[in-house]
C-alpha cells in the first residue's frame, strides 16, 4: 500500500511517500505560503504531485497532519493560527479527493504522533524489552505528548486511535496550569514558556532571551551564559510536564511517550518530572502506579523485572500467579517526531481503508 504524507508546518511543507510502512522517496520541501490561501493550496497540490510522480505507481491514499482548529473527520480546516489564509474554513479533504481521486485523511499531529509511536516506535520496543526479561506484561495504552511551539497530545488504546466524538480528545494543552489558574498548561510547557522561565531566572528582558537550543547548551555548560538560570528553567518546565504526565497516567494507566523539539533536552527536563511524580498529597501518593523513567537504565531494569507472587487457591491444591505491583513508565522518544507523525498517518490510512 502506498500513502502520500505531508508534514505541515507554519513556514514550510514537507512531502513524503510511504509504502508498506517505509519511506520510498526523497522528501520535497516548499514554503507553506500560509498567508495566501491560493498559493498555499497550489503549492500543496504540486508537492503531492511531485511525490506521486516519484513513486511511479498508483497511490492508495493521502494522509497527513494539519494544524487546527479543524473538523478533522470532514477534513475542513478552520482558523489556524500560523496559516492565516485558511481562516473562515476550507474543505481541504474534499479538494484533494477531487484532484487525486483517492481517499484523503487529515488528523491532528499529536494524534498521529501517538499512533506512530504505538505501532512502530517506542511501545513495540518497550514491550519487546518486557518479553526479553521474562515479564508477561504487555502494554496497550499509550499517551503521546509533543513539546515544541505548543504542547500537544494523543491517546491510543490497543492499537486504536481514540479521537473522541468531536475529534478533540487529548487536547492536553487546554489542561489546567498549576502556577497560574487563569492560563492553560501550554503556557508552562512550550518554547515560549522555557524562554520566559530563563528570562525570569536570569533577570534579563524576554527579548534578550536565547532560543531553547542555546538555553540547553548553556545548561549543559557547552555555551556561555547563565547556567544556573538555564538549569532552573528546564527544571521548572520538567515539574509542569511531570504534572501533565501524572494526570495522563492517572487517567489512562499506560506508557507516556514524549517527543517534539524541546524534548531533546531530556537530561535537564527529567529531574523536574521526577520531582513532581514523587510529590505526595497530604495522605496519598501523587499516582497509584509505580512510575519509571525508561530513559534511565537502572529504572528501565526495575520496570521490566517480573514482579509476581504465587497464591494458593482456597479449597483446592491449585495456585495462581499474581502480579502485585502496578507499573507505568514515561520515555523521551529516540525516534524523530516528524517521522513518527508520518508513520502514524500511513497506519491511519491503512486502517481506514480496511473499513
Protein backbone atom coordinates (compact mmCIF):
# COMPACT_ATOMS: atom_id res chain seq x y z
CA UNK A 1 0.00 0.00 0.00
CA UNK A 2 1.28 3.47 -0.91
CA UNK A 3 0.32 6.61 1.01
CA UNK A 4 1.44 10.19 0.35
CA UNK A 5 2.07 12.21 3.52
CA UNK A 6 2.72 15.81 4.45
CA UNK A 7 4.46 17.43 7.41
CA UNK A 8 2.59 20.74 7.52
CA UNK A 9 4.48 23.40 9.46
CA UNK A 10 3.73 27.08 9.75
CA UNK A 11 6.60 28.07 7.44
CA UNK A 12 7.16 25.01 5.23
CA UNK A 13 5.50 21.85 3.91
CA UNK A 14 7.49 18.61 3.61
CA UNK A 15 6.04 15.86 1.38
CA UNK A 16 6.90 12.13 1.52
CA UNK A 17 5.64 8.77 0.29
CA UNK A 18 5.39 5.59 2.36
CA UNK A 19 4.98 2.05 1.07
CA UNK A 20 4.40 -0.87 3.43
CA UNK A 21 5.49 1.25 6.39
CA UNK A 22 8.74 2.52 4.83
CA UNK A 23 9.67 5.82 3.19
CA UNK A 24 10.31 5.26 -0.52
CA UNK A 25 11.06 8.73 -1.92
CA UNK A 26 13.21 11.73 -1.13
CA UNK A 27 11.11 14.36 0.68
CA UNK A 28 10.41 17.58 -1.19
CA UNK A 29 10.05 20.87 0.70
CA UNK A 30 8.22 24.05 -0.24
CA UNK A 31 7.32 27.28 1.59
CA UNK A 32 3.84 26.98 3.08
CA UNK A 33 2.72 30.47 2.00
CA UNK A 34 0.09 30.12 4.69
CA UNK A 35 -0.88 33.80 4.48
CA UNK A 36 -2.09 33.35 0.87
CA UNK A 37 -4.67 30.56 0.50
CA UNK A 38 -4.38 30.15 -3.28
CA UNK A 39 -0.57 29.98 -3.20
CA UNK A 40 -0.70 27.57 -0.27
CA UNK A 41 -3.19 25.20 -1.91
CA UNK A 42 -1.49 25.25 -5.32
CA UNK A 43 1.85 24.55 -3.64
CA UNK A 44 0.33 21.67 -1.70
CA UNK A 45 -1.17 20.14 -4.84
CA UNK A 46 2.15 20.46 -6.66
CA UNK A 47 4.02 18.93 -3.71
CA UNK A 48 1.78 15.87 -3.68
CA UNK A 49 2.02 15.58 -7.49
CA UNK A 50 5.83 15.57 -7.27
CA UNK A 51 5.67 12.69 -4.80
CA UNK A 52 3.12 10.88 -6.95
CA UNK A 53 5.46 11.19 -9.95
CA UNK A 54 8.45 10.00 -7.89
CA UNK A 55 6.53 6.92 -6.73
CA UNK A 56 5.79 5.93 -10.32
CA UNK A 57 2.81 3.71 -9.49
CA UNK A 58 -0.77 4.22 -8.31
CA UNK A 59 -1.20 5.59 -4.80
CA UNK A 60 -3.86 4.32 -2.39
CA UNK A 61 -4.44 7.36 -0.17
CA UNK A 62 -3.22 10.71 1.08
CA UNK A 63 -2.92 11.03 4.85
CA UNK A 64 -1.32 13.79 6.92
CA UNK A 65 -1.43 16.01 9.99
CA UNK A 66 -2.53 19.62 9.71
CA UNK A 67 -2.73 22.42 12.28
CA UNK A 68 -6.10 23.02 13.89
CA UNK A 69 -8.63 24.03 14.83
CA UNK A 70 -10.34 21.80 12.30
CA UNK A 71 -13.18 19.37 11.75
CA UNK A 72 -10.75 16.56 11.03
CA UNK A 73 -13.38 13.94 10.27
CA UNK A 74 -14.78 16.11 7.48
CA UNK A 75 -11.36 17.49 6.58
CA UNK A 76 -12.33 21.14 7.00
CA UNK A 77 -9.57 23.42 8.26
CA UNK A 78 -10.62 26.33 10.47
CA UNK A 79 -8.95 29.43 11.87
CA UNK A 80 -5.45 28.01 12.23
CA UNK A 81 -3.03 30.46 13.83
CA UNK A 82 0.07 30.01 11.64
CA UNK A 83 -1.71 29.57 8.29
CA UNK A 84 -3.98 32.58 8.29
CA UNK A 85 -5.17 32.05 4.72
CA UNK A 86 -7.38 29.21 5.98
CA UNK A 87 -9.46 31.47 8.21
CA UNK A 88 -13.18 31.05 7.68
CA UNK A 89 -12.99 27.33 6.89
CA UNK A 90 -11.50 25.44 3.93
CA UNK A 91 -12.73 21.94 2.84
CA UNK A 92 -9.21 20.65 2.21
CA UNK A 93 -10.10 16.95 2.20
CA UNK A 94 -12.81 17.39 -0.46
CA UNK A 95 -10.47 19.45 -2.66
CA UNK A 96 -7.65 16.89 -2.57
CA UNK A 97 -10.00 13.95 -3.13
CA UNK A 98 -11.45 15.72 -6.15
CA UNK A 99 -7.98 16.24 -7.65
CA UNK A 100 -6.21 12.99 -6.78
CA UNK A 101 -9.21 10.61 -6.84
CA UNK A 102 -8.08 8.74 -3.71
CA UNK A 103 -9.28 8.85 -0.08
CA UNK A 104 -7.77 11.68 1.97
CA UNK A 105 -7.38 11.59 5.76
CA UNK A 106 -6.42 14.62 7.85
CA UNK A 107 -5.69 14.50 11.57
CA UNK A 108 -4.18 16.36 14.48
CA UNK A 109 -0.38 15.97 14.72
CA UNK A 110 -0.49 14.87 18.37
CA UNK A 111 -2.89 12.05 17.48
CA UNK A 112 -0.79 10.81 14.56
CA UNK A 113 2.43 11.10 16.56
CA UNK A 114 0.97 8.87 19.26
CA UNK A 115 -0.35 6.42 16.68
CA UNK A 116 3.08 6.14 15.07
CA UNK A 117 4.82 5.63 18.43
CA UNK A 118 2.30 2.96 19.46
CA UNK A 119 2.53 0.89 16.27
CA UNK A 120 6.10 1.39 15.04
CA UNK A 121 8.01 3.34 17.67
CA UNK A 122 8.56 3.32 21.41
CA UNK A 123 5.76 0.97 22.52
CA UNK A 124 6.89 -2.07 20.47
CA UNK A 125 10.44 -1.56 21.82
CA UNK A 126 9.21 -1.40 25.42
CA UNK A 127 7.03 -4.48 25.04
CA UNK A 128 9.94 -6.36 23.44
CA UNK A 129 12.16 -5.49 26.43
CA UNK A 130 9.49 -6.79 28.81
CA UNK A 131 9.26 -10.02 26.86
CA UNK A 132 13.04 -10.42 26.83
CA UNK A 133 13.10 -10.01 30.62
CA UNK A 134 10.53 -12.77 31.05
CA UNK A 135 7.80 -10.33 32.04
CA UNK A 136 4.36 -11.32 30.73
CA UNK A 137 3.04 -7.76 30.90
CA UNK A 138 2.40 -6.12 27.52
CA UNK A 139 1.25 -2.51 27.44
CA UNK A 140 -1.63 -1.44 25.20
CA UNK A 141 -2.31 2.14 26.31
CA UNK A 142 -0.10 4.95 25.04
CA UNK A 143 -0.33 8.67 25.65
CA UNK A 144 1.85 10.72 23.31
CA UNK A 145 2.98 14.23 24.25
CA UNK A 146 4.78 16.67 21.94
CA UNK A 147 6.66 19.74 23.18
CA UNK A 148 7.60 22.43 20.68
CA UNK A 149 5.97 25.70 19.72
CA UNK A 150 2.95 24.25 21.53
CA UNK A 151 2.05 21.29 23.73
CA UNK A 152 0.07 18.51 22.04
CA UNK A 153 -1.10 15.02 22.80
CA UNK A 154 -2.89 11.89 21.67
CA UNK A 155 -4.16 8.59 23.08
CA UNK A 156 -4.08 5.07 21.64
CA UNK A 157 -5.77 2.06 23.25
CA UNK A 158 -4.96 -1.41 21.93
CA UNK A 159 -3.84 -0.10 18.52
CA UNK A 160 -6.94 2.08 18.17
CA UNK A 161 -6.55 5.86 17.98
CA UNK A 162 -9.04 7.45 20.38
CA UNK A 163 -10.11 10.76 18.85
CA UNK A 164 -13.38 11.43 20.70
CA UNK A 165 -16.85 12.22 19.38
CA UNK A 166 -15.70 15.61 18.07
CA UNK A 167 -12.15 14.52 17.17
CA UNK A 168 -10.88 16.66 20.04
CA UNK A 169 -9.76 14.01 22.55
CA UNK A 170 -6.50 14.51 24.46
CA UNK A 171 -6.33 18.27 23.86
CA UNK A 172 -3.83 18.33 26.69
CA UNK A 173 -2.69 21.89 26.02
CA UNK A 174 -6.01 23.07 27.50
CA UNK A 175 -5.43 21.36 30.86
CA UNK A 176 -5.02 23.46 34.00
CA UNK A 177 -1.92 25.49 34.78
CA UNK A 178 -0.69 24.75 38.29
CA UNK A 179 1.20 28.05 38.56
CA UNK A 180 -1.47 30.35 37.10
CA UNK A 181 -5.10 29.12 37.16
CA UNK A 182 -6.14 31.79 34.64
CA UNK A 183 -3.93 30.28 31.92
CA UNK A 184 -3.71 26.84 30.29
CA UNK A 185 -0.81 24.43 30.81
CA UNK A 186 0.71 25.12 27.37
CA UNK A 187 1.92 28.41 28.89
CA UNK A 188 4.25 26.27 31.03
CA UNK A 189 5.30 23.57 28.55
CA UNK A 190 6.42 25.04 25.21
CA UNK A 191 9.23 27.05 23.62
CA UNK A 192 7.87 30.40 24.80
CA UNK A 193 7.49 29.20 28.40
CA UNK A 194 11.07 27.90 28.53
CA UNK A 195 12.33 31.27 27.31
CA UNK A 196 10.11 33.05 29.82
CA UNK A 197 11.46 30.91 32.68
CA UNK A 198 15.05 31.63 31.61
CA UNK A 199 14.28 35.34 31.37
CA UNK A 200 12.86 35.26 34.90
CA UNK A 201 15.74 33.32 36.47
CA UNK A 202 18.48 35.20 34.58
CA UNK A 203 16.77 38.54 35.28
CA UNK A 204 17.00 39.69 31.66
CA UNK A 205 14.33 41.06 29.26
CA UNK A 206 12.41 38.38 27.37
CA UNK A 207 13.51 39.87 24.03
CA UNK A 208 17.15 39.22 25.01
CA UNK A 209 16.46 35.59 25.91
CA UNK A 210 18.13 32.93 23.72
CA UNK A 211 16.19 30.21 21.92
CA UNK A 212 15.68 26.77 23.55
CA UNK A 213 18.63 25.03 21.91
CA UNK A 214 21.00 27.73 23.13
CA UNK A 215 19.44 27.60 26.62
CA UNK A 216 20.03 23.83 26.56
CA UNK A 217 23.69 24.25 25.56
CA UNK A 218 24.13 26.86 28.30
CA UNK A 219 22.59 24.48 30.82
CA UNK A 220 24.93 21.69 29.70
CA UNK A 221 27.93 24.02 30.05
CA UNK A 222 28.65 23.96 26.31
CA UNK A 223 27.97 27.66 25.68
CA UNK A 224 28.48 30.82 27.69
CA UNK A 225 25.51 32.13 29.60
CA UNK A 226 23.71 31.82 32.90
CA UNK A 227 23.99 28.07 33.52
CA UNK A 228 22.05 28.18 36.77
CA UNK A 229 19.15 30.02 35.12
CA UNK A 230 19.13 27.55 32.21
CA UNK A 231 19.01 24.53 34.50
CA UNK A 232 16.29 26.11 36.63
CA UNK A 233 14.23 26.91 33.52
CA UNK A 234 14.31 23.30 32.31
CA UNK A 235 13.67 22.02 35.84
CA UNK A 236 10.54 24.16 36.16
CA UNK A 237 9.32 23.00 32.76
CA UNK A 238 10.00 19.44 33.92
CA UNK A 239 7.87 19.94 37.04
CA UNK A 240 4.99 21.23 34.91
CA UNK A 241 5.43 18.38 32.43
CA UNK A 242 5.52 15.94 35.36
CA UNK A 243 2.12 17.24 36.45
CA UNK A 244 0.75 16.50 32.96
CA UNK A 245 2.40 13.05 32.90
CA UNK A 246 0.91 12.23 36.31
CA UNK A 247 -2.55 13.29 35.14
CA UNK A 248 -2.28 11.22 31.96
CA UNK A 249 -1.11 8.12 33.84
CA UNK A 250 -3.91 8.58 36.36
CA UNK A 251 -6.48 8.76 33.55
CA UNK A 252 -5.13 6.21 31.06
CA UNK A 253 -2.85 3.84 33.02
CA UNK A 254 -0.23 3.21 30.35
CA UNK A 255 3.01 4.37 28.78
CA UNK A 256 3.64 8.09 28.18
CA UNK A 257 5.88 8.84 25.18
CA UNK A 258 7.32 12.34 24.87
CA UNK A 259 8.57 13.90 21.63
CA UNK A 260 8.94 17.26 19.91
CA UNK A 261 11.88 19.63 19.59
CA UNK A 262 12.23 20.67 23.23
CA UNK A 263 12.14 17.03 24.39
CA UNK A 264 15.72 16.69 23.10
CA UNK A 265 16.83 18.39 26.32
CA UNK A 266 15.69 15.37 28.34
CA UNK A 267 18.74 15.40 30.66
CA UNK A 268 17.68 18.78 32.01
CA UNK A 269 13.91 18.11 31.98
CA UNK A 270 13.78 14.69 33.68
CA UNK A 271 14.83 15.89 37.19
CA UNK A 272 11.79 18.18 37.35
CA UNK A 273 9.49 15.42 36.07
CA UNK A 274 10.81 13.04 38.72
CA UNK A 275 10.31 15.59 41.50
CA UNK A 276 6.67 16.06 40.53
CA UNK A 277 5.97 12.34 40.23
CA UNK A 278 7.47 11.78 43.68
CA UNK A 279 5.27 14.51 45.15
CA UNK A 280 2.71 13.33 47.67
CA UNK A 281 -0.68 14.68 48.59
CA UNK A 282 -1.34 15.12 52.31
CA UNK A 283 -2.13 11.44 52.82
CA UNK A 284 -1.72 9.89 49.35
CA UNK A 285 0.91 9.36 46.68
CA UNK A 286 0.69 11.50 43.51
CA UNK A 287 -0.19 8.47 41.35
CA UNK A 288 -1.46 4.97 42.09
CA UNK A 289 1.16 3.18 40.00
CA UNK A 290 4.92 2.99 40.44
CA UNK A 291 6.20 5.24 37.64
CA UNK A 292 9.61 4.75 35.99
CA UNK A 293 11.70 6.90 33.67
CA UNK A 294 12.51 4.45 30.88
CA UNK A 295 15.41 6.59 29.63
CA UNK A 296 17.36 5.64 32.77
CA UNK A 297 18.91 2.15 32.51
CA UNK A 298 18.52 1.39 36.22
CA UNK A 299 14.84 2.38 36.22
CA UNK A 300 14.20 0.51 32.97
CA UNK A 301 15.69 -2.63 34.55
CA UNK A 302 13.32 -2.29 37.52
CA UNK A 303 10.39 -1.62 35.20
CA UNK A 304 10.84 -4.74 33.07
CA UNK A 305 11.64 -7.04 36.01
CA UNK A 306 8.79 -9.51 36.66
CA UNK A 307 7.07 -8.82 39.98
CA UNK A 308 4.70 -11.63 40.94
CA UNK A 309 3.64 -13.80 43.85
CA UNK A 310 2.29 -17.33 43.90
CA UNK A 311 -1.05 -17.58 45.69
CA UNK A 312 -2.85 -20.74 46.72
CA UNK A 313 -6.43 -21.04 45.50
CA UNK A 314 -8.66 -21.59 48.57
CA UNK A 315 -10.20 -25.04 48.97
CA UNK A 316 -8.02 -26.52 46.21
CA UNK A 317 -4.48 -27.66 45.51
CA UNK A 318 -4.09 -25.13 42.69
CA UNK A 319 -2.01 -21.95 42.64
CA UNK A 320 -2.13 -18.75 40.60
CA UNK A 321 0.47 -16.12 39.76
CA UNK A 322 -0.39 -12.65 41.00
CA UNK A 323 1.27 -9.54 39.59
CA UNK A 324 1.10 -7.35 42.66
CA UNK A 325 2.88 -4.17 41.57
CA UNK A 326 1.15 -1.80 39.08
CA UNK A 327 3.81 -0.14 36.92
CA UNK A 328 3.75 2.63 34.35
CA UNK A 329 6.55 4.42 32.57
CA UNK A 330 7.37 7.55 30.64
CA UNK A 331 10.02 7.83 27.96
CA UNK A 332 11.52 10.63 25.90
CA UNK A 333 11.40 9.06 22.46
CA UNK A 334 14.52 8.20 20.46
CA UNK A 335 12.50 8.45 17.24
CA UNK A 336 12.22 11.57 15.07
CA UNK A 337 8.89 13.26 15.83
CA UNK A 338 8.10 14.19 12.23
CA UNK A 339 8.85 10.65 11.08
CA UNK A 340 6.51 9.20 13.72
CA UNK A 341 3.73 11.59 12.65
CA UNK A 342 4.08 10.43 9.04
CA UNK A 343 4.22 6.77 10.06
CA UNK A 344 1.08 7.36 12.12
CA UNK A 345 -0.58 8.95 9.09
CA UNK A 346 0.30 5.89 6.98
CA UNK A 347 -1.15 3.45 9.52
CA UNK A 348 -4.27 5.57 9.99
CA UNK A 349 -4.97 5.42 6.25
CA UNK A 350 -4.26 1.69 6.22
CA UNK A 351 -6.81 1.05 8.98
CA UNK A 352 -9.44 3.33 7.44
CA UNK A 353 -9.15 1.61 4.06
CA UNK A 354 -9.97 -1.73 5.72
CA UNK A 355 -13.41 -0.44 6.69
